[in-house]
Amino acid sequence: FSWSVVVVANRTIVSKRAKHHASQMRPRSRNLTQVHATTLEDIVYPATITGKNTRCTLDGKKQIKIYLDPLDREKMERKIDAMSCIYCKLTTHTIGIDFSRPFCSQGPSSGRCWA
């Protein structure tokens, strides 16, 4: 088949103000930030996330850029737009996805190394 399939787990978000007993705490895996982070990992699954950059503009908007492993460029390059669109549909956050620069041991030896 020529269609790509994305499998995303069904996760529950528990509000800070949800009614619970005083001795119980909200699990860290149930807060909004953690659920969005694990959803992003599910979406880009064959690749690994090597970095994340959040830039806050003066008008209060956040621009999020995700960096993937450069070794996965061949199999993931044509799926970047679809992954960004899927994440936006699920979380209403727009992100930019790019590949990080390769380290000395990853890329062809061109005499230049990034640490």
PDB file of N, CA and C in Angstrom:
ATOM      1  N   PHE A   1       0.826  -1.187   0.000  1.00  0.00           N
ATOM      2  CA  PHE A   1       0.000   0.000   0.000  1.00  0.00           C
ATOM      3  C   PHE A   1       0.866   1.244   0.000  1.00  0.00           C
ATOM      4  N   SER A   2       0.332   2.316  -0.526  1.00  0.00           N
ATOM      5  CA  SER A   2       1.097   3.555  -0.573  1.00  0.00           C
ATOM      6  C   SER A   2       0.684   4.529   0.529  1.00  0.00           C
ATOM      7  N   TRP A   3      -0.240   4.138   1.400  1.00  0.00           N
ATOM      8  CA  TRP A   3      -0.696   5.017   2.470  1.00  0.00           C
ATOM      9  C   TRP A   3       0.133   4.785   3.734  1.00  0.00           C
ATOM     10  N   SER A   4       0.445   5.868   4.407  1.00  0.00           N
ATOM     11  CA  SER A   4       1.134   5.762   5.695  1.00  0.00           C
ATOM     12  C   SER A   4       0.095   5.678   6.805  1.00  0.00           C
ATOM     13  N   VAL A   5       0.396   4.903   7.822  1.00  0.00           N
ATOM     14  CA  VAL A   5      -0.514   4.723   8.943  1.00  0.00           C
ATOM     15  C   VAL A   5       0.147   5.273  10.194  1.00  0.00           C
ATOM     16  N   VAL A   6      -0.598   6.051  10.966  1.00  0.00           N
ATOM     17  CA  VAL A   6      -0.105   6.601  12.216  1.00  0.00           C
ATOM     18  C   VAL A   6      -0.958   6.038  13.345  1.00  0.00           C
ATOM     19  N   VAL A   7      -0.314   5.425  14.329  1.00  0.00           N
ATOM     20  CA  VAL A   7      -1.009   4.869  15.481  1.00  0.00           C
ATOM     21  C   VAL A   7      -0.685   5.747  16.686  1.00  0.00           C
ATOM     22  N   VAL A   8      -1.726   6.298  17.287  1.00  0.00           N
ATOM     23  CA  VAL A   8      -1.560   7.167  18.444  1.00  0.00           C
ATOM     24  C   VAL A   8      -2.377   6.586  19.593  1.00  0.00           C
ATOM     25  N   ALA A   9      -1.766   6.474  20.750  1.00  0.00           N
ATOM     26  CA  ALA A   9      -2.453   5.913  21.915  1.00  0.00           C
ATOM     27  C   ALA A   9      -3.505   6.884  22.434  1.00  0.00           C
ATOM     28  N   ASN A  10      -4.523   6.346  23.056  1.00  0.00           N
ATOM     29  CA  ASN A  10      -5.572   7.153  23.665  1.00  0.00           C
ATOM     30  C   ASN A  10      -5.146   7.485  25.096  1.00  0.00           C
ATOM     31  N   ARG A  11      -4.860   8.759  25.354  1.00  0.00           N
ATOM     32  CA  ARG A  11      -4.381   9.174  26.666  1.00  0.00           C
ATOM     33  C   ARG A  11      -5.387  10.107  27.325  1.00  0.00           C
ATOM     34  N   THR A  12      -5.418  10.089  28.644  1.00  0.00           N
ATOM     35  CA  THR A  12      -6.357  10.896  29.410  1.00  0.00           C
ATOM     36  C   THR A  12      -5.634  12.085  30.020  1.00  0.00           C
ATOM     37  N   ILE A  13      -6.238  13.267  29.886  1.00  0.00           N
ATOM     38  CA  ILE A  13      -5.710  14.475  30.510  1.00  0.00           C
ATOM     39  C   ILE A  13      -6.572  14.783  31.724  1.00  0.00           C
ATOM     40  N   VAL A  14      -5.942  14.915  32.873  1.00  0.00           N
ATOM     41  CA  VAL A  14      -6.659  15.244  34.104  1.00  0.00           C
ATOM     42  C   VAL A  14      -6.356  16.695  34.447  1.00  0.00           C
ATOM     43  N   SER A  15      -7.400  17.480  34.661  1.00  0.00           N
ATOM     44  CA  SER A  15      -7.246  18.897  34.974  1.00  0.00           C
ATOM     45  C   SER A  15      -6.665  19.095  36.371  1.00  0.00           C
ATOM     46  N   LYS A  16      -6.048  20.248  36.580  1.00  0.00           N
ATOM     47  CA  LYS A  16      -5.547  20.585  37.908  1.00  0.00           C
ATOM     48  C   LYS A  16      -6.697  20.724  38.894  1.00  0.00           C
ATOM     49  N   ARG A  17      -7.822  21.197  38.397  1.00  0.00           N
ATOM     50  CA  ARG A  17      -8.947  21.468  39.256  1.00  0.00           C
ATOM     51  C   ARG A  17      -9.944  20.317  39.343  1.00  0.00           C
ATOM     52  N   ALA A  18      -9.563  19.145  38.883  1.00  0.00           N
ATOM     53  CA  ALA A  18     -10.455  17.992  38.951  1.00  0.00           C
ATOM     54  C   ALA A  18     -10.677  17.593  40.403  1.00  0.00           C
ATOM     55  N   LYS A  19     -11.889  17.164  40.703  1.00  0.00           N
ATOM     56  CA  LYS A  19     -12.207  16.768  42.079  1.00  0.00           C
ATOM     57  C   LYS A  19     -11.537  15.439  42.398  1.00  0.00           C
ATOM     58  N   HIS A  20     -10.812  15.428  43.471  1.00  0.00           N
ATOM     59  CA  HIS A  20     -10.159  14.220  43.933  1.00  0.00           C
ATOM     60  C   HIS A  20      -9.958  14.329  45.440  1.00  0.00           C
ATOM     61  N   HIS A  21      -9.571  13.249  46.038  1.00  0.00           N
ATOM     62  CA  HIS A  21      -9.323  13.238  47.477  1.00  0.00           C
ATOM     63  C   HIS A  21      -8.054  14.023  47.773  1.00  0.00           C
ATOM     64  N   ALA A  22      -7.997  14.627  48.931  1.00  0.00           N
ATOM     65  CA  ALA A  22      -6.860  15.490  49.282  1.00  0.00           C
ATOM     66  C   ALA A  22      -5.539  14.737  49.334  1.00  0.00           C
ATOM     67  N   SER A  23      -5.578  13.448  49.615  1.00  0.00           N
ATOM     68  CA  SER A  23      -4.331  12.685  49.712  1.00  0.00           C
ATOM     69  C   SER A  23      -3.856  12.168  48.357  1.00  0.00           C
ATOM     70  N   GLN A  24      -4.672  12.318  47.333  1.00  0.00           N
ATOM     71  CA  GLN A  24      -4.289  11.838  46.007  1.00  0.00           C
ATOM     72  C   GLN A  24      -3.702  12.974  45.182  1.00  0.00           C
ATOM     73  N   MET A  25      -2.696  12.634  44.385  1.00  0.00           N
ATOM     74  CA  MET A  25      -2.106  13.624  43.495  1.00  0.00           C
ATOM     75  C   MET A  25      -2.349  13.207  42.057  1.00  0.00           C
ATOM     76  N   ARG A  26      -2.300  14.174  41.162  1.00  0.00           N
ATOM     77  CA  ARG A  26      -2.469  13.887  39.739  1.00  0.00           C
ATOM     78  C   ARG A  26      -1.175  13.272  39.220  1.00  0.00           C
ATOM     79  N   PRO A  27      -1.250  12.135  38.525  1.00  0.00           N
ATOM     80  CA  PRO A  27      -0.024  11.540  37.970  1.00  0.00           C
ATOM     81  C   PRO A  27       0.608  12.457  36.925  1.00  0.00           C
ATOM     82  N   ARG A  28       1.917  12.465  36.873  1.00  0.00           N
ATOM     83  CA  ARG A  28       2.611  13.333  35.911  1.00  0.00           C
ATOM     84  C   ARG A  28       2.334  12.929  34.469  1.00  0.00           C
ATOM     85  N   SER A  29       1.978  11.693  34.248  1.00  0.00           N
ATOM     86  CA  SER A  29       1.684  11.246  32.885  1.00  0.00           C
ATOM     87  C   SER A  29       0.309  11.697  32.418  1.00  0.00           C
ATOM     88  N   ARG A  30      -0.484  12.334  33.278  1.00  0.00           N
ATOM     89  CA  ARG A  30      -1.829  12.752  32.916  1.00  0.00           C
ATOM     90  C   ARG A  30      -1.960  14.262  32.708  1.00  0.00           C
ATOM     91  N   ASN A  31      -0.868  15.030  32.843  1.00  0.00           N
ATOM     92  CA  ASN A  31      -1.006  16.465  32.626  1.00  0.00           C
ATOM     93  C   ASN A  31      -0.923  16.787  31.138  1.00  0.00           C
ATOM     94  N   LEU A  32      -1.360  17.974  30.779  1.00  0.00           N
ATOM     95  CA  LEU A  32      -1.498  18.361  29.381  1.00  0.00           C
ATOM     96  C   LEU A  32      -0.172  18.346  28.635  1.00  0.00           C
ATOM     97  N   THR A  33       0.874  18.864  29.238  1.00  0.00           N
ATOM     98  CA  THR A  33       2.172  18.937  28.588  1.00  0.00           C
ATOM     99  C   THR A  33       2.733  17.555  28.284  1.00  0.00           C
ATOM    100  N   GLN A  34       2.631  16.650  29.240  1.00  0.00           N
ATOM    101  CA  GLN A  34       3.166  15.307  29.053  1.00  0.00           C
ATOM    102  C   GLN A  34       2.370  14.528  28.014  1.00  0.00           C
ATOM    103  N   VAL A  35       1.059  14.706  27.994  1.00  0.00           N
ATOM    104  CA  VAL A  35       0.232  14.008  27.013  1.00  0.00           C
ATOM    105  C   VAL A  35       0.560  14.500  25.600  1.00  0.00           C
ATOM    106  N   HIS A  36       0.776  15.802  25.427  1.00  0.00           N
ATOM    107  CA  HIS A  36       1.139  16.337  24.113  1.00  0.00           C
ATOM    108  C   HIS A  36       2.530  15.869  23.691  1.00  0.00           C
ATOM    109  N   ALA A  37       3.457  15.768  24.631  1.00  0.00           N
ATOM    110  CA  ALA A  37       4.815  15.299  24.308  1.00  0.00           C
ATOM    111  C   ALA A  37       4.805  13.839  23.870  1.00  0.00           C
ATOM    112  N   THR A  38       4.046  13.001  24.551  1.00  0.00           N
ATOM    113  CA  THR A  38       4.001  11.596  24.172  1.00  0.00           C
ATOM    114  C   THR A  38       3.210  11.388  22.888  1.00  0.00           C
ATOM    115  N   THR A  39       2.231  12.244  22.634  1.00  0.00           N
ATOM    116  CA  THR A  39       1.514  12.186  21.353  1.00  0.00           C
ATOM    117  C   THR A  39       2.457  12.514  20.199  1.00  0.00           C
ATOM    118  N   LEU A  40       3.319  13.496  20.395  1.00  0.00           N
ATOM    119  CA  LEU A  40       4.299  13.841  19.367  1.00  0.00           C
ATOM    120  C   LEU A  40       5.265  12.687  19.125  1.00  0.00           C
ATOM    121  N   GLU A  41       5.692  12.004  20.174  1.00  0.00           N
ATOM    122  CA  GLU A  41       6.575  10.844  20.010  1.00  0.00           C
ATOM    123  C   GLU A  41       5.876   9.730  19.246  1.00  0.00           C
ATOM    124  N   ASP A  42       4.579   9.547  19.482  1.00  0.00           N
ATOM    125  CA  ASP A  42       3.819   8.540  18.743  1.00  0.00           C
ATOM    126  C   ASP A  42       3.731   8.883  17.262  1.00  0.00           C
ATOM    127  N   ILE A  43       3.549  10.152  16.956  1.00  0.00           N
ATOM    128  CA  ILE A  43       3.367  10.569  15.562  1.00  0.00           C
ATOM    129  C   ILE A  43       4.648  10.399  14.758  1.00  0.00           C
ATOM    130  N   VAL A  44       5.793  10.731  15.339  1.00  0.00           N
ATOM    131  CA  VAL A  44       7.063  10.646  14.607  1.00  0.00           C
ATOM    132  C   VAL A  44       7.773   9.333  14.879  1.00  0.00           C
ATOM    133  N   TYR A  45       7.036   8.284  15.221  1.00  0.00           N
ATOM    134  CA  TYR A  45       7.592   7.052  15.787  1.00  0.00           C
ATOM    135  C   TYR A  45       8.810   6.444  15.088  1.00  0.00           C
ATOM    136  N   PRO A  46       8.839   6.191  13.815  1.00  0.00           N
ATOM    137  CA  PRO A  46      10.053   5.530  13.307  1.00  0.00           C
ATOM    138  C   PRO A  46      11.309   6.365  13.546  1.00  0.00           C
ATOM    139  N   ALA A  47      11.160   7.664  13.624  1.00  0.00           N
ATOM    140  CA  ALA A  47      12.304   8.540  13.890  1.00  0.00           C
ATOM    141  C   ALA A  47      12.364   8.845  15.387  1.00  0.00           C
ATOM    142  N   THR A  48      13.490   9.390  15.817  1.00  0.00           N
ATOM    143  CA  THR A  48      13.631   9.794  17.208  1.00  0.00           C
ATOM    144  C   THR A  48      13.795  11.302  17.279  1.00  0.00           C
ATOM    145  N   ILE A  49      13.232  11.894  18.309  1.00  0.00           N
ATOM    146  CA  ILE A  49      13.333  13.332  18.506  1.00  0.00           C
ATOM    147  C   ILE A  49      14.661  13.622  19.197  1.00  0.00           C
ATOM    148  N   THR A  50      15.496  14.453  18.563  1.00  0.00           N
ATOM    149  CA  THR A  50      16.797  14.783  19.142  1.00  0.00           C
ATOM    150  C   THR A  50      16.805  16.150  19.794  1.00  0.00           C
ATOM    151  N   GLY A  51      15.838  17.000  19.483  1.00  0.00           N
ATOM    152  CA  GLY A  51      15.809  18.323  20.082  1.00  0.00           C
ATOM    153  C   GLY A  51      14.473  18.991  19.921  1.00  0.00           C
ATOM    154  N   LYS A  52      14.235  19.989  20.772  1.00  0.00           N
ATOM    155  CA  LYS A  52      12.990  20.737  20.730  1.00  0.00           C
ATOM    156  C   LYS A  52      13.304  22.185  21.078  1.00  0.00           C
ATOM    157  N   ASN A  53      12.803  23.112  20.275  1.00  0.00           N
ATOM    158  CA  ASN A  53      13.074  24.522  20.484  1.00  0.00           C
ATOM    159  C   ASN A  53      11.748  25.257  20.561  1.00  0.00           C
ATOM    160  N   THR A  54      11.540  26.023  21.624  1.00  0.00           N
ATOM    161  CA  THR A  54      10.328  26.821  21.772  1.00  0.00           C
ATOM    162  C   THR A  54      10.726  28.283  21.784  1.00  0.00           C
ATOM    163  N   ARG A  55      10.165  29.040  20.863  1.00  0.00           N
ATOM    164  CA  ARG A  55      10.451  30.466  20.763  1.00  0.00           C
ATOM    165  C   ARG A  55       9.174  31.231  21.069  1.00  0.00           C
ATOM    166  N   CYS A  56       9.233  32.140  22.038  1.00  0.00           N
ATOM    167  CA  CYS A  56       8.083  32.958  22.395  1.00  0.00           C
ATOM    168  C   CYS A  56       8.253  34.332  21.762  1.00  0.00           C
ATOM    169  N   THR A  57       7.251  34.751  20.999  1.00  0.00           N
ATOM    170  CA  THR A  57       7.305  36.059  20.356  1.00  0.00           C
ATOM    171  C   THR A  57       6.788  37.127  21.312  1.00  0.00           C
ATOM    172  N   LEU A  58       6.951  38.389  20.936  1.00  0.00           N
ATOM    173  CA  LEU A  58       6.535  39.488  21.804  1.00  0.00           C
ATOM    174  C   LEU A  58       5.020  39.568  21.966  1.00  0.00           C
ATOM    175  N   ASP A  59       4.282  39.057  20.990  1.00  0.00           N
ATOM    176  CA  ASP A  59       2.819  39.099  21.101  1.00  0.00           C
ATOM    177  C   ASP A  59       2.248  37.892  21.842  1.00  0.00           C
ATOM    178  N   GLY A  60       3.106  37.039  22.426  1.00  0.00           N
ATOM    179  CA  GLY A  60       2.659  35.940  23.258  1.00  0.00           C
ATOM    180  C   GLY A  60       2.488  34.608  22.558  1.00  0.00           C
ATOM    181  N   LYS A  61       2.744  34.548  21.263  1.00  0.00           N
ATOM    182  CA  LYS A  61       2.609  33.285  20.544  1.00  0.00           C
ATOM    183  C   LYS A  61       3.865  32.442  20.727  1.00  0.00           C
ATOM    184  N   LYS A  62       3.682  31.128  20.679  1.00  0.00           N
ATOM    185  CA  LYS A  62       4.814  30.214  20.797  1.00  0.00           C
ATOM    186  C   LYS A  62       5.043  29.512  19.471  1.00  0.00           C
ATOM    187  N   GLN A  63       6.290  29.473  19.045  1.00  0.00           N
ATOM    188  CA  GLN A  63       6.681  28.740  17.849  1.00  0.00           C
ATOM    189  C   GLN A  63       7.519  27.553  18.306  1.00  0.00           C
ATOM    190  N   ILE A  64       7.024  26.355  18.021  1.00  0.00           N
ATOM    191  CA  ILE A  64       7.708  25.138  18.450  1.00  0.00           C
ATOM    192  C   ILE A  64       8.357  24.487  17.244  1.00  0.00           C
ATOM    193  N   LYS A  65       9.631  24.147  17.375  1.00  0.00           N
ATOM    194  CA  LYS A  65      10.344  23.463  16.310  1.00  0.00           C
ATOM    195  C   LYS A  65      10.928  22.175  16.869  1.00  0.00           C
ATOM    196  N   ILE A  66      10.670  21.071  16.174  1.00  0.00           N
ATOM    197  CA  ILE A  66      11.121  19.753  16.595  1.00  0.00           C
ATOM    198  C   ILE A  66      12.240  19.313  15.659  1.00  0.00           C
ATOM    199  N   TYR A  67      13.320  18.768  16.229  1.00  0.00           N
ATOM    200  CA  TYR A  67      14.431  18.276  15.436  1.00  0.00           C
ATOM    201  C   TYR A  67      14.483  16.754  15.521  1.00  0.00           C
ATOM    202  N   LEU A  68      14.502  16.104  14.365  1.00  0.00           N
ATOM    203  CA  LEU A  68      14.561  14.647  14.286  1.00  0.00           C
ATOM    204  C   LEU A  68      15.984  14.190  13.991  1.00  0.00           C
ATOM    205  N   ASP A  69      16.236  12.920  14.217  1.00  0.00           N
ATOM    206  CA  ASP A  69      17.549  12.320  13.982  1.00  0.00           C
ATOM    207  C   ASP A  69      17.881  12.364  12.494  1.00  0.00           C
ATOM    208  N   PRO A  70      19.052  12.862  12.107  1.00  0.00           N
ATOM    209  CA  PRO A  70      19.394  12.947  10.683  1.00  0.00           C
ATOM    210  C   PRO A  70      19.561  11.588  10.008  1.00  0.00           C
ATOM    211  N   LEU A  71      19.755  10.526  10.782  1.00  0.00           N
ATOM    212  CA  LEU A  71      19.876   9.199  10.180  1.00  0.00           C
ATOM    213  C   LEU A  71      18.544   8.715   9.606  1.00  0.00           C
ATOM    214  N   ASP A  72      17.445   9.308  10.046  1.00  0.00           N
ATOM    215  CA  ASP A  72      16.118   8.904   9.583  1.00  0.00           C
ATOM    216  C   ASP A  72      15.603   9.785   8.451  1.00  0.00           C
ATOM    217  N   ARG A  73      16.464  10.611   7.866  1.00  0.00           N
ATOM    218  CA  ARG A  73      16.032  11.574   6.858  1.00  0.00           C
ATOM    219  C   ARG A  73      15.411  10.905   5.631  1.00  0.00           C
ATOM    220  N   GLU A  74      15.995   9.815   5.161  1.00  0.00           N
ATOM    221  CA  GLU A  74      15.518   9.182   3.923  1.00  0.00           C
ATOM    222  C   GLU A  74      14.087   8.682   4.053  1.00  0.00           C
ATOM    223  N   LYS A  75      13.767   8.037   5.158  1.00  0.00           N
ATOM    224  CA  LYS A  75      12.439   7.454   5.290  1.00  0.00           C
ATOM    225  C   LYS A  75      11.399   8.422   5.844  1.00  0.00           C
ATOM    226  N   MET A  76      11.818   9.560   6.409  1.00  0.00           N
ATOM    227  CA  MET A  76      10.863  10.464   7.041  1.00  0.00           C
ATOM    228  C   MET A  76      10.671  11.789   6.311  1.00  0.00           C
ATOM    229  N   GLU A  77      11.494  12.086   5.335  1.00  0.00           N
ATOM    230  CA  GLU A  77      11.463  13.409   4.725  1.00  0.00           C
ATOM    231  C   GLU A  77      10.138  13.712   4.020  1.00  0.00           C
ATOM    232  N   ARG A  78       9.557  12.726   3.389  1.00  0.00           N
ATOM    233  CA  ARG A  78       8.304  12.969   2.667  1.00  0.00           C
ATOM    234  C   ARG A  78       7.087  12.986   3.587  1.00  0.00           C
ATOM    235  N   LYS A  79       7.267  12.642   4.855  1.00  0.00           N
ATOM    236  CA  LYS A  79       6.152  12.585   5.801  1.00  0.00           C
ATOM    237  C   LYS A  79       6.089  13.783   6.741  1.00  0.00           C
ATOM    238  N   ILE A  80       7.009  14.727   6.622  1.00  0.00           N
ATOM    239  CA  ILE A  80       7.102  15.828   7.575  1.00  0.00           C
ATOM    240  C   ILE A  80       5.837  16.677   7.583  1.00  0.00           C
ATOM    241  N   ASP A  81       5.331  17.046   6.428  1.00  0.00           N
ATOM    242  CA  ASP A  81       4.135  17.878   6.373  1.00  0.00           C
ATOM    243  C   ASP A  81       2.931  17.160   6.964  1.00  0.00           C
ATOM    244  N   ALA A  82       2.809  15.882   6.699  1.00  0.00           N
ATOM    245  CA  ALA A  82       1.688  15.106   7.238  1.00  0.00           C
ATOM    246  C   ALA A  82       1.778  15.001   8.757  1.00  0.00           C
ATOM    247  N   MET A  83       2.982  14.784   9.289  1.00  0.00           N
ATOM    248  CA  MET A  83       3.144  14.683  10.738  1.00  0.00           C
ATOM    249  C   MET A  83       2.798  16.001  11.423  1.00  0.00           C
ATOM    250  N   SER A  84       3.208  17.106  10.834  1.00  0.00           N
ATOM    251  CA  SER A  84       2.905  18.414  11.401  1.00  0.00           C
ATOM    252  C   SER A  84       1.402  18.676  11.388  1.00  0.00           C
ATOM    253  N   CYS A  85       0.738  18.300  10.320  1.00  0.00           N
ATOM    254  CA  CYS A  85      -0.706  18.483  10.201  1.00  0.00           C
ATOM    255  C   CYS A  85      -1.464  17.597  11.194  1.00  0.00           C
ATOM    256  N   ILE A  86      -1.024  16.367  11.372  1.00  0.00           N
ATOM    257  CA  ILE A  86      -1.668  15.449  12.319  1.00  0.00           C
ATOM    258  C   ILE A  86      -1.538  15.979  13.743  1.00  0.00           C
ATOM    259  N   TYR A  87      -0.358  16.464  14.100  1.00  0.00           N
ATOM    260  CA  TYR A  87      -0.157  17.001  15.451  1.00  0.00           C
ATOM    261  C   TYR A  87      -1.026  18.229  15.675  1.00  0.00           C
ATOM    262  N   CYS A  88      -1.171  19.058  14.654  1.00  0.00           N
ATOM    263  CA  CYS A  88      -2.012  20.246  14.772  1.00  0.00           C
ATOM    264  C   CYS A  88      -3.479  19.864  14.954  1.00  0.00           C
ATOM    265  N   LYS A  89      -3.940  18.836  14.257  1.00  0.00           N
ATOM    266  CA  LYS A  89      -5.326  18.390  14.398  1.00  0.00           C
ATOM    267  C   LYS A  89      -5.598  17.810  15.779  1.00  0.00           C
ATOM    268  N   LEU A  90      -4.639  17.095  16.345  1.00  0.00           N
ATOM    269  CA  LEU A  90      -4.850  16.448  17.636  1.00  0.00           C
ATOM    270  C   LEU A  90      -4.685  17.400  18.821  1.00  0.00           C
ATOM    271  N   THR A  91      -3.773  18.382  18.717  1.00  0.00           N
ATOM    272  CA  THR A  91      -3.461  19.222  19.871  1.00  0.00           C
ATOM    273  C   THR A  91      -3.723  20.708  19.651  1.00  0.00           C
ATOM    274  N   THR A  92      -4.044  21.129  18.460  1.00  0.00           N
ATOM    275  CA  THR A  92      -4.239  22.530  18.059  1.00  0.00           C
ATOM    276  C   THR A  92      -2.971  23.369  18.220  1.00  0.00           C
ATOM    277  N   HIS A  93      -1.800  22.739  18.237  1.00  0.00           N
ATOM    278  CA  HIS A  93      -0.522  23.455  18.265  1.00  0.00           C
ATOM    279  C   HIS A  93       0.174  23.257  16.925  1.00  0.00           C
ATOM    280  N   THR A  94       0.616  24.345  16.314  1.00  0.00           N
ATOM    281  CA  THR A  94       1.368  24.222  15.076  1.00  0.00           C
ATOM    282  C   THR A  94       2.846  24.073  15.412  1.00  0.00           C
ATOM    283  N   ILE A  95       3.504  23.157  14.718  1.00  0.00           N
ATOM    284  CA  ILE A  95       4.922  22.909  14.968  1.00  0.00           C
ATOM    285  C   ILE A  95       5.661  22.887  13.640  1.00  0.00           C
ATOM    286  N   GLY A  96       6.947  23.105  13.713  1.00  0.00           N
ATOM    287  CA  GLY A  96       7.827  22.933  12.569  1.00  0.00           C
ATOM    288  C   GLY A  96       8.722  21.737  12.831  1.00  0.00           C
ATOM    289  N   ILE A  97       8.876  20.904  11.832  1.00  0.00           N
ATOM    290  CA  ILE A  97       9.709  19.705  11.996  1.00  0.00           C
ATOM    291  C   ILE A  97      10.884  19.805  11.036  1.00  0.00           C
ATOM    292  N   ASP A  98      12.082  19.567  11.553  1.00  0.00           N
ATOM    293  CA  ASP A  98      13.294  19.635  10.750  1.00  0.00           C
ATOM    294  C   ASP A  98      14.243  18.548  11.253  1.00  0.00           C
ATOM    295  N   PHE A  99      15.339  18.363  10.559  1.00  0.00           N
ATOM    296  CA  PHE A  99      16.343  17.381  10.959  1.00  0.00           C
ATOM    297  C   PHE A  99      17.539  18.109  11.555  1.00  0.00           C
ATOM    298  N   SER A 100      18.072  17.567  12.640  1.00  0.00           N
ATOM    299  CA  SER A 100      19.239  18.175  13.268  1.00  0.00           C
ATOM    300  C   SER A 100      20.481  17.893  12.431  1.00  0.00           C
ATOM    301  N   ARG A 101      21.536  18.628  12.714  1.00  0.00           N
ATOM    302  CA  ARG A 101      22.779  18.413  11.982  1.00  0.00           C
ATOM    303  C   ARG A 101      23.450  17.129  12.454  1.00  0.00           C
ATOM    304  N   PRO A 102      24.062  16.379  11.553  1.00  0.00           N
ATOM    305  CA  PRO A 102      24.691  15.120  11.969  1.00  0.00           C
ATOM    306  C   PRO A 102      25.970  15.371  12.763  1.00  0.00           C
ATOM    307  N   PHE A 103      26.271  14.439  13.649  1.00  0.00           N
ATOM    308  CA  PHE A 103      27.531  14.483  14.388  1.00  0.00           C
ATOM    309  C   PHE A 103      28.635  13.884  13.519  1.00  0.00           C
ATOM    310  N   CYS A 104      29.863  13.910  14.002  1.00  0.00           N
ATOM    311  CA  CYS A 104      30.998  13.402  13.237  1.00  0.00           C
ATOM    312  C   CYS A 104      30.830  11.936  12.863  1.00  0.00           C
ATOM    313  N   SER A 105      30.311  11.149  13.777  1.00  0.00           N
ATOM    314  CA  SER A 105      30.199   9.714  13.529  1.00  0.00           C
ATOM    315  C   SER A 105      28.999   9.363  12.649  1.00  0.00           C
ATOM    316  N   GLN A 106      28.075  10.298  12.422  1.00  0.00           N
ATOM    317  CA  GLN A 106      26.874   9.986  11.672  1.00  0.00           C
ATOM    318  C   GLN A 106      26.988  10.284  10.189  1.00  0.00           C
ATOM    319  N   GLY A 107      27.576  11.406   9.850  1.00  0.00           N
ATOM    320  CA  GLY A 107      27.583  11.826   8.454  1.00  0.00           C
ATOM    321  C   GLY A 107      28.841  11.428   7.727  1.00  0.00           C
ATOM    322  N   PRO A 108      28.895  11.705   6.421  1.00  0.00           N
ATOM    323  CA  PRO A 108      30.116  11.444   5.667  1.00  0.00           C
ATOM    324  C   PRO A 108      31.230  12.362   6.153  1.00  0.00           C
ATOM    325  N   SER A 109      32.425  11.853   6.155  1.00  0.00           N
ATOM    326  CA  SER A 109      33.543  12.641   6.686  1.00  0.00           C
ATOM    327  C   SER A 109      33.940  13.712   5.677  1.00  0.00           C
ATOM    328  N   SER A 110      33.404  14.905   5.925  1.00  0.00           N
ATOM    329  CA  SER A 110      33.716  16.024   5.051  1.00  0.00           C
ATOM    330  C   SER A 110      34.708  16.983   5.694  1.00  0.00           C
ATOM    331  N   GLY A 111      35.238  16.593   6.840  1.00  0.00           N
ATOM    332  CA  GLY A 111      36.212  17.437   7.491  1.00  0.00           C
ATOM    333  C   GLY A 111      35.593  18.387   8.489  1.00  0.00           C
ATOM    334  N   ARG A 112      34.260  18.481   8.516  1.00  0.00           N
ATOM    335  CA  ARG A 112      33.581  19.375   9.450  1.00  0.00           C
ATOM    336  C   ARG A 112      32.815  18.537  10.457  1.00  0.00           C
ATOM    337  N   CYS A 113      32.932  18.888  11.719  1.00  0.00           N
ATOM    338  CA  CYS A 113      32.232  18.155  12.779  1.00  0.00           C
ATOM    339  C   CYS A 113      31.426  19.141  13.610  1.00  0.00           C
ATOM    340  N   TRP A 114      30.248  18.686  14.041  1.00  0.00           N
ATOM    341  CA  TRP A 114      29.421  19.466  14.958  1.00  0.00           C
ATOM    342  C   TRP A 114      29.332  18.712  16.260  1.00  0.00           C
ATOM    343  N   ALA A 115      29.531  19.426  17.331  1.00  0.00           N
ATOM    344  CA  ALA A 115      29.461  18.778  18.639  1.00  0.00           C
ATOM    345  C   ALA A 115      28.223  19.196  19.371  1.00  0.00           C
TER     346      ALA A 115
END
